[in-house]
N, C-alpha and C. Protein backbone atom coordinates (compact mmCIF):
# COMPACT_ATOMS: atom_id res chain seq x y z
N UNK A 1 94.70 36.06 -48.97
CA UNK A 1 96.03 35.95 -48.42
C UNK A 1 95.91 35.52 -46.96
N UNK A 2 96.69 34.52 -46.60
CA UNK A 2 96.69 34.03 -45.21
C UNK A 2 97.80 34.75 -44.44
N UNK A 3 97.48 35.23 -43.25
CA UNK A 3 98.43 36.00 -42.46
C UNK A 3 98.69 35.28 -41.14
N UNK A 4 99.97 35.15 -40.81
CA UNK A 4 100.38 34.59 -39.53
C UNK A 4 101.23 35.63 -38.83
N UNK A 5 100.88 35.97 -37.60
CA UNK A 5 101.56 37.01 -36.84
C UNK A 5 102.21 36.39 -35.61
N UNK A 6 103.51 36.68 -35.42
CA UNK A 6 104.26 36.14 -34.29
C UNK A 6 104.87 37.29 -33.49
N UNK A 7 104.89 37.16 -32.19
CA UNK A 7 105.53 38.14 -31.33
C UNK A 7 106.71 37.49 -30.62
N UNK A 8 107.85 38.15 -30.61
CA UNK A 8 109.05 37.60 -29.97
C UNK A 8 109.67 38.66 -29.06
N UNK A 9 110.45 38.22 -28.10
CA UNK A 9 111.25 39.11 -27.28
C UNK A 9 110.50 40.23 -26.59
N UNK A 10 109.39 39.93 -25.97
CA UNK A 10 108.66 40.96 -25.24
C UNK A 10 107.57 41.65 -26.05
N UNK A 11 107.55 41.47 -27.35
CA UNK A 11 106.50 42.06 -28.18
C UNK A 11 105.32 41.10 -28.24
N UNK A 12 104.12 41.63 -28.13
CA UNK A 12 102.94 40.77 -28.16
C UNK A 12 102.24 40.87 -29.51
N UNK A 13 101.71 39.74 -29.95
CA UNK A 13 100.96 39.68 -31.20
C UNK A 13 99.51 39.36 -30.85
N UNK A 14 98.72 40.38 -30.51
CA UNK A 14 97.34 40.16 -30.10
C UNK A 14 96.38 40.37 -31.27
N UNK A 15 95.10 40.20 -31.02
CA UNK A 15 94.09 40.32 -32.07
C UNK A 15 94.00 41.74 -32.62
N UNK A 16 94.23 42.73 -31.77
CA UNK A 16 94.19 44.13 -32.23
C UNK A 16 95.30 44.38 -33.25
N UNK A 17 96.48 43.85 -32.99
CA UNK A 17 97.60 44.01 -33.91
C UNK A 17 97.33 43.27 -35.21
N UNK A 18 96.73 42.09 -35.11
CA UNK A 18 96.41 41.30 -36.30
C UNK A 18 95.38 42.04 -37.17
N UNK A 19 94.38 42.65 -36.57
CA UNK A 19 93.38 43.39 -37.36
C UNK A 19 94.02 44.62 -38.00
N UNK A 20 94.96 45.24 -37.31
CA UNK A 20 95.68 46.39 -37.88
C UNK A 20 96.51 45.96 -39.10
N UNK A 21 97.16 44.79 -38.99
CA UNK A 21 97.96 44.25 -40.09
C UNK A 21 97.05 43.93 -41.28
N UNK A 22 95.92 43.28 -41.02
CA UNK A 22 95.00 42.94 -42.11
C UNK A 22 94.49 44.18 -42.82
N UNK A 23 94.20 45.23 -42.06
CA UNK A 23 93.71 46.47 -42.66
C UNK A 23 94.79 47.13 -43.50
N UNK A 24 95.99 47.20 -42.96
CA UNK A 24 97.08 47.89 -43.66
C UNK A 24 97.53 47.12 -44.89
N UNK A 25 97.49 45.80 -44.85
CA UNK A 25 97.95 44.99 -45.97
C UNK A 25 96.82 44.59 -46.91
N UNK A 26 95.67 45.23 -46.81
CA UNK A 26 94.55 44.95 -47.70
C UNK A 26 94.90 45.22 -49.15
N UNK A 27 95.68 46.26 -49.39
CA UNK A 27 96.10 46.62 -50.75
C UNK A 27 96.95 45.50 -51.36
N UNK A 28 97.84 44.95 -50.55
CA UNK A 28 98.69 43.86 -51.01
C UNK A 28 97.85 42.61 -51.24
N UNK A 29 96.91 42.34 -50.34
CA UNK A 29 96.08 41.13 -50.44
C UNK A 29 95.26 41.11 -51.72
N UNK A 30 94.83 42.28 -52.19
CA UNK A 30 94.05 42.33 -53.43
C UNK A 30 94.91 42.03 -54.66
N UNK A 31 96.22 42.22 -54.56
CA UNK A 31 97.11 42.04 -55.70
C UNK A 31 97.71 40.64 -55.80
N UNK A 32 97.57 39.83 -54.76
CA UNK A 32 98.16 38.50 -54.77
C UNK A 32 97.08 37.44 -54.66
N UNK A 33 97.47 36.21 -54.85
CA UNK A 33 96.55 35.08 -54.78
C UNK A 33 96.04 34.88 -53.35
N UNK A 34 94.83 34.36 -53.21
CA UNK A 34 94.33 34.03 -51.87
C UNK A 34 95.15 32.93 -51.20
N UNK A 35 95.94 32.19 -51.97
CA UNK A 35 96.78 31.13 -51.43
C UNK A 35 98.13 31.65 -50.92
N UNK A 36 98.42 32.92 -51.15
CA UNK A 36 99.68 33.50 -50.68
C UNK A 36 99.73 33.48 -49.16
N UNK A 37 100.92 33.26 -48.62
CA UNK A 37 101.11 33.20 -47.17
C UNK A 37 102.03 34.32 -46.72
N UNK A 38 101.59 35.07 -45.74
CA UNK A 38 102.38 36.16 -45.18
C UNK A 38 102.68 35.83 -43.72
N UNK A 39 103.95 35.81 -43.36
CA UNK A 39 104.37 35.59 -41.99
C UNK A 39 105.03 36.87 -41.50
N UNK A 40 104.52 37.44 -40.42
CA UNK A 40 105.09 38.66 -39.85
C UNK A 40 105.56 38.36 -38.43
N UNK A 41 106.78 38.74 -38.15
CA UNK A 41 107.34 38.58 -36.81
C UNK A 41 107.63 39.97 -36.25
N UNK A 42 107.10 40.24 -35.06
CA UNK A 42 107.29 41.52 -34.39
C UNK A 42 108.12 41.26 -33.14
N UNK A 43 109.18 42.05 -32.95
CA UNK A 43 110.02 41.89 -31.77
C UNK A 43 110.62 43.23 -31.37
N UNK A 44 111.21 43.24 -30.19
CA UNK A 44 111.83 44.46 -29.68
C UNK A 44 113.34 44.24 -29.61
N UNK A 45 114.10 45.17 -30.17
CA UNK A 45 115.56 45.11 -30.15
C UNK A 45 116.11 46.47 -29.77
N UNK A 46 116.86 46.53 -28.70
CA UNK A 46 117.52 47.76 -28.27
C UNK A 46 116.58 48.96 -28.22
N UNK A 47 115.40 48.76 -27.69
CA UNK A 47 114.45 49.85 -27.54
C UNK A 47 113.66 50.19 -28.79
N UNK A 48 113.93 49.51 -29.89
CA UNK A 48 113.19 49.74 -31.14
C UNK A 48 112.29 48.53 -31.42
N UNK A 49 111.20 48.80 -32.12
CA UNK A 49 110.30 47.73 -32.56
C UNK A 49 110.73 47.31 -33.96
N UNK A 50 110.86 46.02 -34.16
CA UNK A 50 111.28 45.48 -35.46
C UNK A 50 110.14 44.62 -36.00
N UNK A 51 109.80 44.84 -37.27
CA UNK A 51 108.79 44.02 -37.95
C UNK A 51 109.44 43.39 -39.18
N UNK A 52 109.42 42.07 -39.22
CA UNK A 52 109.95 41.33 -40.37
C UNK A 52 108.81 40.59 -41.04
N UNK A 53 108.80 40.60 -42.36
CA UNK A 53 107.74 39.92 -43.08
C UNK A 53 108.27 39.10 -44.22
N UNK A 54 107.65 37.95 -44.46
CA UNK A 54 107.98 37.08 -45.59
C UNK A 54 106.67 36.72 -46.29
N UNK A 55 106.54 37.14 -47.54
CA UNK A 55 105.35 36.87 -48.33
C UNK A 55 105.68 35.79 -49.35
N UNK A 56 105.08 34.61 -49.19
CA UNK A 56 105.34 33.48 -50.09
C UNK A 56 104.29 33.46 -51.19
N UNK A 57 104.77 33.69 -52.39
CA UNK A 57 103.91 33.63 -53.57
C UNK A 57 104.32 32.40 -54.38
N UNK A 58 103.64 32.16 -55.45
CA UNK A 58 103.96 31.02 -56.31
C UNK A 58 105.32 31.27 -56.96
N UNK A 59 106.32 30.53 -56.53
CA UNK A 59 107.63 30.61 -57.15
C UNK A 59 108.57 31.66 -56.58
N UNK A 60 108.14 32.48 -55.66
CA UNK A 60 109.01 33.54 -55.13
C UNK A 60 108.60 33.89 -53.70
N UNK A 61 109.57 34.30 -52.91
CA UNK A 61 109.31 34.78 -51.56
C UNK A 61 109.84 36.20 -51.45
N UNK A 62 108.97 37.13 -51.09
CA UNK A 62 109.35 38.53 -50.92
C UNK A 62 109.55 38.78 -49.43
N UNK A 63 110.65 39.43 -49.08
CA UNK A 63 110.97 39.68 -47.68
C UNK A 63 111.19 41.16 -47.43
N UNK A 64 110.86 41.58 -46.21
CA UNK A 64 111.09 42.96 -45.80
C UNK A 64 111.31 43.00 -44.30
N UNK A 65 112.11 43.98 -43.85
CA UNK A 65 112.37 44.17 -42.43
C UNK A 65 112.43 45.67 -42.17
N UNK A 66 111.66 46.12 -41.19
CA UNK A 66 111.62 47.55 -40.88
C UNK A 66 111.74 47.77 -39.38
N UNK A 67 112.36 48.89 -38.97
CA UNK A 67 112.53 49.28 -37.57
C UNK A 67 111.89 50.64 -37.35
N UNK A 68 111.29 50.80 -36.19
CA UNK A 68 110.69 52.09 -35.83
C UNK A 68 110.56 52.15 -34.30
N UNK A 69 110.20 53.34 -33.83
CA UNK A 69 110.07 53.52 -32.38
C UNK A 69 108.84 52.82 -31.81
N UNK A 70 107.80 52.64 -32.64
CA UNK A 70 106.62 51.90 -32.17
C UNK A 70 106.20 50.86 -33.20
N UNK A 71 105.46 49.87 -32.75
CA UNK A 71 105.08 48.74 -33.59
C UNK A 71 104.22 49.15 -34.78
N UNK A 72 103.28 50.06 -34.56
CA UNK A 72 102.39 50.49 -35.64
C UNK A 72 103.14 51.11 -36.79
N UNK A 73 104.11 51.96 -36.47
CA UNK A 73 104.89 52.61 -37.52
C UNK A 73 105.76 51.59 -38.26
N UNK A 74 106.34 50.64 -37.53
CA UNK A 74 107.15 49.60 -38.17
C UNK A 74 106.30 48.76 -39.12
N UNK A 75 105.06 48.45 -38.72
CA UNK A 75 104.16 47.68 -39.59
C UNK A 75 103.75 48.48 -40.82
N UNK A 76 103.54 49.79 -40.67
CA UNK A 76 103.20 50.63 -41.82
C UNK A 76 104.34 50.64 -42.83
N UNK A 77 105.57 50.79 -42.33
CA UNK A 77 106.73 50.78 -43.22
C UNK A 77 106.88 49.43 -43.92
N UNK A 78 106.64 48.35 -43.16
CA UNK A 78 106.72 47.01 -43.72
C UNK A 78 105.67 46.81 -44.82
N UNK A 79 104.45 47.26 -44.58
CA UNK A 79 103.37 47.13 -45.57
C UNK A 79 103.71 47.89 -46.84
N UNK A 80 104.26 49.09 -46.70
CA UNK A 80 104.63 49.88 -47.88
C UNK A 80 105.73 49.18 -48.68
N UNK A 81 106.71 48.62 -47.98
CA UNK A 81 107.80 47.93 -48.65
C UNK A 81 107.30 46.69 -49.39
N UNK A 82 106.45 45.91 -48.75
CA UNK A 82 105.90 44.72 -49.41
C UNK A 82 105.02 45.09 -50.60
N UNK A 83 104.25 46.16 -50.49
CA UNK A 83 103.40 46.61 -51.60
C UNK A 83 104.26 46.99 -52.81
N UNK A 84 105.37 47.67 -52.54
CA UNK A 84 106.28 48.06 -53.62
C UNK A 84 106.88 46.82 -54.29
N UNK A 85 107.29 45.84 -53.50
CA UNK A 85 107.88 44.62 -54.05
C UNK A 85 106.86 43.81 -54.86
N UNK A 86 105.62 43.73 -54.37
CA UNK A 86 104.58 42.99 -55.10
C UNK A 86 104.30 43.66 -56.44
N UNK A 87 104.23 44.97 -56.46
CA UNK A 87 103.99 45.70 -57.71
C UNK A 87 105.12 45.47 -58.70
N UNK A 88 106.35 45.53 -58.22
CA UNK A 88 107.51 45.31 -59.09
C UNK A 88 107.51 43.88 -59.64
N UNK A 89 107.20 42.91 -58.79
CA UNK A 89 107.16 41.51 -59.23
C UNK A 89 106.05 41.30 -60.26
N UNK A 90 104.88 41.88 -60.01
CA UNK A 90 103.76 41.74 -60.94
C UNK A 90 104.08 42.38 -62.30
N UNK A 91 104.70 43.56 -62.29
CA UNK A 91 105.06 44.23 -63.53
C UNK A 91 106.12 43.44 -64.31
N UNK A 92 107.05 42.84 -63.57
CA UNK A 92 108.10 42.05 -64.21
C UNK A 92 107.50 40.82 -64.88
N UNK A 93 106.57 40.15 -64.20
CA UNK A 93 105.91 38.98 -64.80
C UNK A 93 105.11 39.37 -66.03
N UNK A 94 104.41 40.51 -65.96
CA UNK A 94 103.62 40.97 -67.09
C UNK A 94 104.51 41.27 -68.29
N UNK A 95 105.65 41.91 -68.05
CA UNK A 95 106.57 42.25 -69.14
C UNK A 95 107.13 40.98 -69.79
N UNK A 96 107.47 39.99 -68.98
CA UNK A 96 107.98 38.73 -69.55
C UNK A 96 106.92 38.05 -70.42
N UNK A 97 105.68 38.05 -69.92
CA UNK A 97 104.58 37.41 -70.65
C UNK A 97 104.35 38.11 -71.99
N UNK A 98 104.37 39.44 -71.99
CA UNK A 98 104.17 40.20 -73.23
C UNK A 98 105.32 40.00 -74.20
N UNK A 99 106.55 39.92 -73.69
CA UNK A 99 107.70 39.70 -74.56
C UNK A 99 107.63 38.31 -75.20
N UNK A 100 107.22 37.33 -74.43
CA UNK A 100 107.07 35.97 -74.97
C UNK A 100 106.00 35.93 -76.05
N UNK A 101 104.89 36.63 -75.80
CA UNK A 101 103.80 36.67 -76.77
C UNK A 101 104.25 37.35 -78.06
N UNK A 102 104.99 38.45 -77.95
CA UNK A 102 105.48 39.18 -79.12
C UNK A 102 106.46 38.32 -79.91
N UNK A 103 107.32 37.59 -79.22
CA UNK A 103 108.29 36.73 -79.90
C UNK A 103 107.57 35.60 -80.63
N UNK A 104 106.53 35.05 -80.05
CA UNK A 104 105.76 33.97 -80.68
C UNK A 104 105.05 34.48 -81.93
N UNK A 105 104.52 35.69 -81.87
CA UNK A 105 103.85 36.25 -83.04
C UNK A 105 104.85 36.56 -84.15
N UNK A 106 106.03 37.04 -83.78
CA UNK A 106 107.06 37.34 -84.78
C UNK A 106 107.56 36.06 -85.43
N UNK A 107 107.69 35.01 -84.65
CA UNK A 107 108.15 33.73 -85.16
C UNK A 107 107.10 33.11 -86.09
N UNK A 108 105.82 33.33 -85.81
CA UNK A 108 104.76 32.75 -86.63
C UNK A 108 104.62 33.45 -87.98
N UNK A 109 105.08 34.69 -88.06
CA UNK A 109 104.92 35.46 -89.32
C UNK A 109 105.98 35.15 -90.30
């Protein structure tokens, strides 16, 4: 999975933050294609840190936005949300594939 990190509005996107993102999103990276693209934007709004993420997979884009008092916590919440969405998407695809296979076998009999 390719990760792009952007900092806006006074928030900095340094190498330390990027390594933290890579570590936290390792679980998600194992579940998606190496060609998947993740764009994370970190910014400050009204004293809160905001982390927005867009994960582009084949045929679908998963998005999440989280707010917290510090950047690390916002990124943790974002990673959890994206992991949940990836799992749901993967399960949905698996169910469709199995239903199609069952229908094909029923039709062949």
